[in-house]
Amino acid sequence: EFPDIFNAKSAYVFQSADFSYNKIERFQNGDNFKGVNASQINLSDNHLKTFPEVLFKTGSPMNYLVLAGNGMEKFPKGSLDGENTFMLEALDLSYNYLTKLPVDFSAQTLPYLTGVDLSYNCFSEFPTEPLSIARLSRFFVRYQRDKNGNRTLKEWPEGIMSQAQCPSLNFLCLGGNDFRKIDE
């Protein structure tokens, strides 16, 4: 369990809280978890199968959240509900088993998000939700595979290069997929 030893409302702010490689499956005290007042939270390489919505619901003021390598399969709608969600600038969801993002993964919810890493997941349709975020400058959707290692992302995301859609996009990494024809 992620220990309930912090408090999102605390006057004391951590620069970074790193709980990677701890086999964490859930948060102590469940819905009564008090949150974490930290700029950066690293929960990579644990066992969080569902996106940890409790971090946002408690008002944890994160700028950078790393959830890589958890085997995460679900990212439910409403997981980003919280008073400080807007503060998130970078999100690493690489090395999971995600197949889609919630519809509320958008500019309205995450207006200052500049980087998203969705590499090494299981998307079969291009995740366009982050492209509504005007400040998004780095977007990684590399090596989409199913659990058997088969490439799942095959259709080129038509219109992705349109500056009107995502004006700040500087880095778009799509390597290791199965795009055979680009009609852009």
C-alpha atoms as a PDB file:
ATOM      1  CA  GLU A   1       0.000   0.000   0.000  1.00  0.00           C
ATOM      2  CA  PHE A   2       1.040   3.573  -0.586  1.00  0.00           C
ATOM      3  CA  PRO A   3       1.319   4.877   3.004  1.00  0.00           C
ATOM      4  CA  ASP A   4      -1.074   7.575   4.175  1.00  0.00           C
ATOM      5  CA  ILE A   5       1.712   9.591   5.857  1.00  0.00           C
ATOM      6  CA  PHE A   6       1.379  12.796   3.818  1.00  0.00           C
ATOM      7  CA  ASN A   7      -1.354  15.363   3.427  1.00  0.00           C
ATOM      8  CA  ALA A   8      -2.196  17.281   0.239  1.00  0.00           C
ATOM      9  CA  LYS A   9      -3.266  20.242   2.404  1.00  0.00           C
ATOM     10  CA  SER A  10      -0.016  20.346   4.389  1.00  0.00           C
ATOM     11  CA  ALA A  11       2.039  23.531   4.597  1.00  0.00           C
ATOM     12  CA  TYR A  12       5.119  21.409   3.916  1.00  0.00           C
ATOM     13  CA  VAL A  13       5.803  20.744   0.247  1.00  0.00           C
ATOM     14  CA  PHE A  14       8.019  17.937  -1.023  1.00  0.00           C
ATOM     15  CA  GLN A  15       9.891  18.477  -4.251  1.00  0.00           C
ATOM     16  CA  SER A  16       9.714  14.779  -5.015  1.00  0.00           C
ATOM     17  CA  ALA A  17       8.162  11.656  -3.530  1.00  0.00           C
ATOM     18  CA  ASP A  18       9.558   8.478  -5.098  1.00  0.00           C
ATOM     19  CA  PHE A  19       7.794   5.210  -4.291  1.00  0.00           C
ATOM     20  CA  SER A  20       8.866   3.307  -7.398  1.00  0.00           C
ATOM     21  CA  TYR A  21       9.548  -0.455  -7.300  1.00  0.00           C
ATOM     22  CA  ASN A  22       7.533  -1.127  -4.139  1.00  0.00           C
ATOM     23  CA  LYS A  23       4.814  -3.537  -5.339  1.00  0.00           C
ATOM     24  CA  ILE A  24       2.129  -0.991  -4.398  1.00  0.00           C
ATOM     25  CA  GLU A  25      -1.379  -2.136  -5.366  1.00  0.00           C
ATOM     26  CA  ARG A  26      -3.552   0.414  -3.557  1.00  0.00           C
ATOM     27  CA  PHE A  27      -3.552   3.460  -1.293  1.00  0.00           C
ATOM     28  CA  GLN A  28      -3.781   3.091   2.472  1.00  0.00           C
ATOM     29  CA  ASN A  29      -7.185   4.162   3.828  1.00  0.00           C
ATOM     30  CA  GLY A  30      -8.747   4.030   0.339  1.00  0.00           C
ATOM     31  CA  ASP A  31     -11.102   6.971  -0.218  1.00  0.00           C
ATOM     32  CA  ASN A  32      -9.936   8.505   3.078  1.00  0.00           C
ATOM     33  CA  PHE A  33      -6.345   8.822   1.800  1.00  0.00           C
ATOM     34  CA  LYS A  34      -5.128  12.369   2.582  1.00  0.00           C
ATOM     35  CA  GLY A  35      -3.062  12.926  -0.585  1.00  0.00           C
ATOM     36  CA  VAL A  36       0.512  14.075  -1.132  1.00  0.00           C
ATOM     37  CA  ASN A  37       1.781  17.658  -1.241  1.00  0.00           C
ATOM     38  CA  ALA A  38       4.598  17.062  -3.729  1.00  0.00           C
ATOM     39  CA  SER A  39       5.580  18.539  -7.075  1.00  0.00           C
ATOM     40  CA  GLN A  40       6.776  15.210  -8.449  1.00  0.00           C
ATOM     41  CA  ILE A  41       5.390  11.787  -7.613  1.00  0.00           C
ATOM     42  CA  ASN A  42       6.985   8.617  -8.959  1.00  0.00           C
ATOM     43  CA  LEU A  43       4.936   5.436  -8.652  1.00  0.00           C
ATOM     44  CA  SER A  44       6.584   3.576 -11.515  1.00  0.00           C
ATOM     45  CA  ASP A  45       7.017  -0.190 -11.526  1.00  0.00           C
ATOM     46  CA  ASN A  46       4.374  -0.994  -8.949  1.00  0.00           C
ATOM     47  CA  HIS A  47       1.118  -2.941  -9.389  1.00  0.00           C
ATOM     48  CA  LEU A  48      -1.507  -0.224  -9.889  1.00  0.00           C
ATOM     49  CA  LYS A  49      -3.931  -1.839 -12.365  1.00  0.00           C
ATOM     50  CA  THR A  50      -6.262   1.186 -12.428  1.00  0.00           C
ATOM     51  CA  PHE A  51      -5.287   4.852 -12.701  1.00  0.00           C
ATOM     52  CA  PRO A  52      -4.928   6.156  -9.083  1.00  0.00           C
ATOM     53  CA  GLU A  53      -7.740   8.712  -9.074  1.00  0.00           C
ATOM     54  CA  VAL A  54      -7.314   9.192  -5.319  1.00  0.00           C
ATOM     55  CA  LEU A  55      -4.274  11.421  -5.965  1.00  0.00           C
ATOM     56  CA  PHE A  56      -6.400  13.953  -7.836  1.00  0.00           C
ATOM     57  CA  LYS A  57      -9.529  13.622  -5.696  1.00  0.00           C
ATOM     58  CA  THR A  58      -7.472  14.519  -2.589  1.00  0.00           C
ATOM     59  CA  GLY A  59      -6.158  17.687  -4.248  1.00  0.00           C
ATOM     60  CA  SER A  60      -2.530  16.553  -4.504  1.00  0.00           C
ATOM     61  CA  PRO A  61      -0.807  19.450  -6.335  1.00  0.00           C
ATOM     62  CA  MET A  62       1.406  17.466  -8.717  1.00  0.00           C
ATOM     63  CA  ASN A  63       3.337  18.885 -11.639  1.00  0.00           C
ATOM     64  CA  TYR A  64       4.878  15.597 -12.731  1.00  0.00           C
ATOM     65  CA  LEU A  65       3.396  12.128 -12.262  1.00  0.00           C
ATOM     66  CA  VAL A  66       5.157   8.897 -13.266  1.00  0.00           C
ATOM     67  CA  LEU A  67       3.021   5.751 -13.482  1.00  0.00           C
ATOM     68  CA  ALA A  68       5.181   3.769 -15.912  1.00  0.00           C
ATOM     69  CA  GLY A  69       5.407  -0.011 -15.688  1.00  0.00           C
ATOM     70  CA  ASN A  70       2.400  -0.736 -13.493  1.00  0.00           C
ATOM     71  CA  GLY A  71       0.522  -3.066 -15.831  1.00  0.00           C
ATOM     72  CA  MET A  72      -2.287  -0.505 -15.689  1.00  0.00           C
ATOM     73  CA  GLU A  73      -5.325  -1.552 -17.721  1.00  0.00           C
ATOM     74  CA  LYS A  74      -7.967   1.012 -16.761  1.00  0.00           C
ATOM     75  CA  PHE A  75      -8.121   4.797 -16.837  1.00  0.00           C
ATOM     76  CA  PRO A  76     -11.781   5.492 -15.966  1.00  0.00           C
ATOM     77  CA  LYS A  77     -13.652   8.675 -16.767  1.00  0.00           C
ATOM     78  CA  GLY A  78     -13.571  10.998 -13.754  1.00  0.00           C
ATOM     79  CA  SER A  79     -10.123   9.829 -12.609  1.00  0.00           C
ATOM     80  CA  LEU A  80      -8.808  13.351 -13.173  1.00  0.00           C
ATOM     81  CA  ASP A  81     -11.458  15.089 -11.062  1.00  0.00           C
ATOM     82  CA  GLY A  82      -9.807  17.281  -8.446  1.00  0.00           C
ATOM     83  CA  GLU A  83      -9.186  20.869  -7.456  1.00  0.00           C
ATOM     84  CA  ASN A  84      -5.476  20.803  -8.436  1.00  0.00           C
ATOM     85  CA  THR A  85      -5.571  18.580 -11.521  1.00  0.00           C
ATOM     86  CA  PHE A  86      -4.925  21.646 -13.666  1.00  0.00           C
ATOM     87  CA  MET A  87      -1.384  21.869 -12.208  1.00  0.00           C
ATOM     88  CA  LEU A  88      -0.190  18.685 -13.943  1.00  0.00           C
ATOM     89  CA  GLU A  89       2.493  19.439 -16.553  1.00  0.00           C
ATOM     90  CA  ALA A  90       3.863  15.983 -17.432  1.00  0.00           C
ATOM     91  CA  LEU A  91       2.432  12.471 -17.236  1.00  0.00           C
ATOM     92  CA  ASP A  92       4.286   9.228 -17.911  1.00  0.00           C
ATOM     93  CA  LEU A  93       1.973   6.265 -18.538  1.00  0.00           C
ATOM     94  CA  SER A  94       4.448   4.181 -20.533  1.00  0.00           C
ATOM     95  CA  TYR A  95       4.835   0.404 -20.144  1.00  0.00           C
ATOM     96  CA  ASN A  96       1.242  -0.315 -19.184  1.00  0.00           C
ATOM     97  CA  TYR A  97      -1.706  -2.051 -20.881  1.00  0.00           C
ATOM     98  CA  LEU A  98      -3.912   0.948 -21.591  1.00  0.00           C
ATOM     99  CA  THR A  99      -6.175   0.812 -24.652  1.00  0.00           C
ATOM    100  CA  LYS A 100      -7.923   4.179 -24.316  1.00  0.00           C
ATOM    101  CA  LEU A 101      -7.925   7.463 -22.423  1.00  0.00           C
ATOM    102  CA  PRO A 102     -10.986   8.962 -20.767  1.00  0.00           C
ATOM    103  CA  VAL A 103     -12.867  11.662 -22.650  1.00  0.00           C
ATOM    104  CA  ASP A 104     -12.057  14.147 -19.849  1.00  0.00           C
ATOM    105  CA  PHE A 105      -8.332  13.892 -20.684  1.00  0.00           C
ATOM    106  CA  SER A 106      -8.563  17.296 -22.346  1.00  0.00           C
ATOM    107  CA  ALA A 107      -7.517  20.942 -22.348  1.00  0.00           C
ATOM    108  CA  GLN A 108     -10.359  21.762 -20.002  1.00  0.00           C
ATOM    109  CA  THR A 109      -9.043  19.364 -17.341  1.00  0.00           C
ATOM    110  CA  LEU A 110      -5.281  19.567 -18.042  1.00  0.00           C
ATOM    111  CA  PRO A 111      -4.647  23.047 -19.520  1.00  0.00           C
ATOM    112  CA  TYR A 112      -0.923  23.190 -18.642  1.00  0.00           C
ATOM    113  CA  LEU A 113       0.045  19.663 -19.682  1.00  0.00           C
ATOM    114  CA  THR A 114       3.154  19.860 -21.873  1.00  0.00           C
ATOM    115  CA  GLY A 115       4.218  16.211 -22.080  1.00  0.00           C
ATOM    116  CA  VAL A 116       2.537  12.802 -22.237  1.00  0.00           C
ATOM    117  CA  ASP A 117       4.236   9.446 -22.711  1.00  0.00           C
ATOM    118  CA  LEU A 118       1.907   6.615 -23.763  1.00  0.00           C
ATOM    119  CA  SER A 119       4.651   4.408 -25.229  1.00  0.00           C
ATOM    120  CA  TYR A 120       4.532   0.639 -24.753  1.00  0.00           C
ATOM    121  CA  ASN A 121       0.786   0.358 -24.196  1.00  0.00           C
ATOM    122  CA  CYS A 122      -1.960  -1.398 -26.193  1.00  0.00           C
ATOM    123  CA  PHE A 123      -3.684   1.399 -28.142  1.00  0.00           C
ATOM    124  CA  SER A 124      -5.263   0.167 -31.381  1.00  0.00           C
ATOM    125  CA  GLU A 125      -6.744   3.596 -32.149  1.00  0.00           C
ATOM    126  CA  PHE A 126      -4.641   6.711 -31.921  1.00  0.00           C
ATOM    127  CA  PRO A 127      -5.292   8.513 -28.583  1.00  0.00           C
ATOM    128  CA  THR A 128      -6.337  11.948 -29.848  1.00  0.00           C
ATOM    129  CA  GLU A 129      -7.559  13.276 -26.476  1.00  0.00           C
ATOM    130  CA  PRO A 130      -4.247  14.993 -25.542  1.00  0.00           C
ATOM    131  CA  LEU A 131      -4.173  16.830 -28.890  1.00  0.00           C
ATOM    132  CA  SER A 132      -6.790  19.291 -27.631  1.00  0.00           C
ATOM    133  CA  ILE A 133      -4.263  20.659 -25.120  1.00  0.00           C
ATOM    134  CA  ALA A 134      -2.740  23.829 -26.585  1.00  0.00           C
ATOM    135  CA  ARG A 135       0.478  23.625 -24.514  1.00  0.00           C
ATOM    136  CA  LEU A 136       1.232  19.995 -25.364  1.00  0.00           C
ATOM    137  CA  SER A 137       4.737  20.010 -26.826  1.00  0.00           C
ATOM    138  CA  ARG A 138       5.886  16.398 -26.321  1.00  0.00           C
ATOM    139  CA  PHE A 139       3.707  13.412 -27.195  1.00  0.00           C
ATOM    140  CA  PHE A 140       5.027   9.850 -27.263  1.00  0.00           C
ATOM    141  CA  VAL A 141       2.928   6.984 -28.619  1.00  0.00           C
ATOM    142  CA  ARG A 142       5.664   4.479 -29.481  1.00  0.00           C
ATOM    143  CA  TYR A 143       5.569   0.664 -29.620  1.00  0.00           C
ATOM    144  CA  GLN A 144       1.892  -0.133 -29.146  1.00  0.00           C
ATOM    145  CA  ARG A 145       1.571  -3.911 -28.650  1.00  0.00           C
ATOM    146  CA  ASP A 146      -0.987  -6.365 -27.342  1.00  0.00           C
ATOM    147  CA  LYS A 147      -0.043  -8.820 -24.601  1.00  0.00           C
ATOM    148  CA  ASN A 148       1.252 -11.253 -27.237  1.00  0.00           C
ATOM    149  CA  GLY A 149       3.647  -8.678 -28.700  1.00  0.00           C
ATOM    150  CA  ASN A 150       1.618  -7.971 -31.860  1.00  0.00           C
ATOM    151  CA  ARG A 151       1.601  -4.378 -33.117  1.00  0.00           C
ATOM    152  CA  THR A 152      -1.794  -2.806 -32.492  1.00  0.00           C
ATOM    153  CA  LEU A 153      -1.552   0.782 -33.799  1.00  0.00           C
ATOM    154  CA  LYS A 154      -1.882   0.605 -37.582  1.00  0.00           C
ATOM    155  CA  GLU A 155      -3.885   3.590 -38.793  1.00  0.00           C
ATOM    156  CA  TRP A 156      -2.092   6.897 -39.239  1.00  0.00           C
ATOM    157  CA  PRO A 157      -3.760   9.630 -37.126  1.00  0.00           C
ATOM    158  CA  GLU A 158      -4.980  11.791 -40.012  1.00  0.00           C
ATOM    159  CA  GLY A 159      -4.665  15.530 -39.404  1.00  0.00           C
ATOM    160  CA  ILE A 160      -2.178  15.138 -36.555  1.00  0.00           C
ATOM    161  CA  MET A 161       0.264  17.538 -38.170  1.00  0.00           C
ATOM    162  CA  SER A 162      -2.313  20.321 -38.330  1.00  0.00           C
ATOM    163  CA  GLN A 163      -1.027  23.264 -36.301  1.00  0.00           C
ATOM    164  CA  ALA A 164      -4.630  24.319 -35.624  1.00  0.00           C
ATOM    165  CA  GLN A 165      -5.195  21.086 -33.729  1.00  0.00           C
ATOM    166  CA  CYS A 166      -2.141  21.207 -31.458  1.00  0.00           C
ATOM    167  CA  PRO A 167      -0.106  24.409 -32.015  1.00  0.00           C
ATOM    168  CA  SER A 168       2.719  23.741 -29.508  1.00  0.00           C
ATOM    169  CA  LEU A 169       3.557  20.183 -30.553  1.00  0.00           C
ATOM    170  CA  ASN A 170       7.343  19.977 -31.070  1.00  0.00           C
ATOM    171  CA  PHE A 171       8.062  16.280 -30.462  1.00  0.00           C
ATOM    172  CA  LEU A 172       5.817  13.566 -31.828  1.00  0.00           C
ATOM    173  CA  CYS A 173       7.296  10.093 -31.404  1.00  0.00           C
ATOM    174  CA  LEU A 174       5.413   7.298 -33.162  1.00  0.00           C
ATOM    175  CA  GLY A 175       8.188   4.756 -33.810  1.00  0.00           C
ATOM    176  CA  GLY A 176       7.707   1.016 -33.575  1.00  0.00           C
ATOM    177  CA  ASN A 177       4.065   0.947 -34.655  1.00  0.00           C
ATOM    178  CA  ASP A 178       2.601  -0.541 -37.826  1.00  0.00           C
ATOM    179  CA  PHE A 179       1.931   2.552 -39.967  1.00  0.00           C
ATOM    180  CA  ARG A 180       2.352   1.364 -43.537  1.00  0.00           C
ATOM    181  CA  LYS A 181       0.733   4.212 -45.416  1.00  0.00           C
ATOM    182  CA  ILE A 182       0.602   7.875 -44.527  1.00  0.00           C
ATOM    183  CA  ASP A 183      -2.016   9.883 -46.426  1.00  0.00           C
ATOM    184  CA  GLU A 184      -1.155  13.230 -44.864  1.00  0.00           C
END
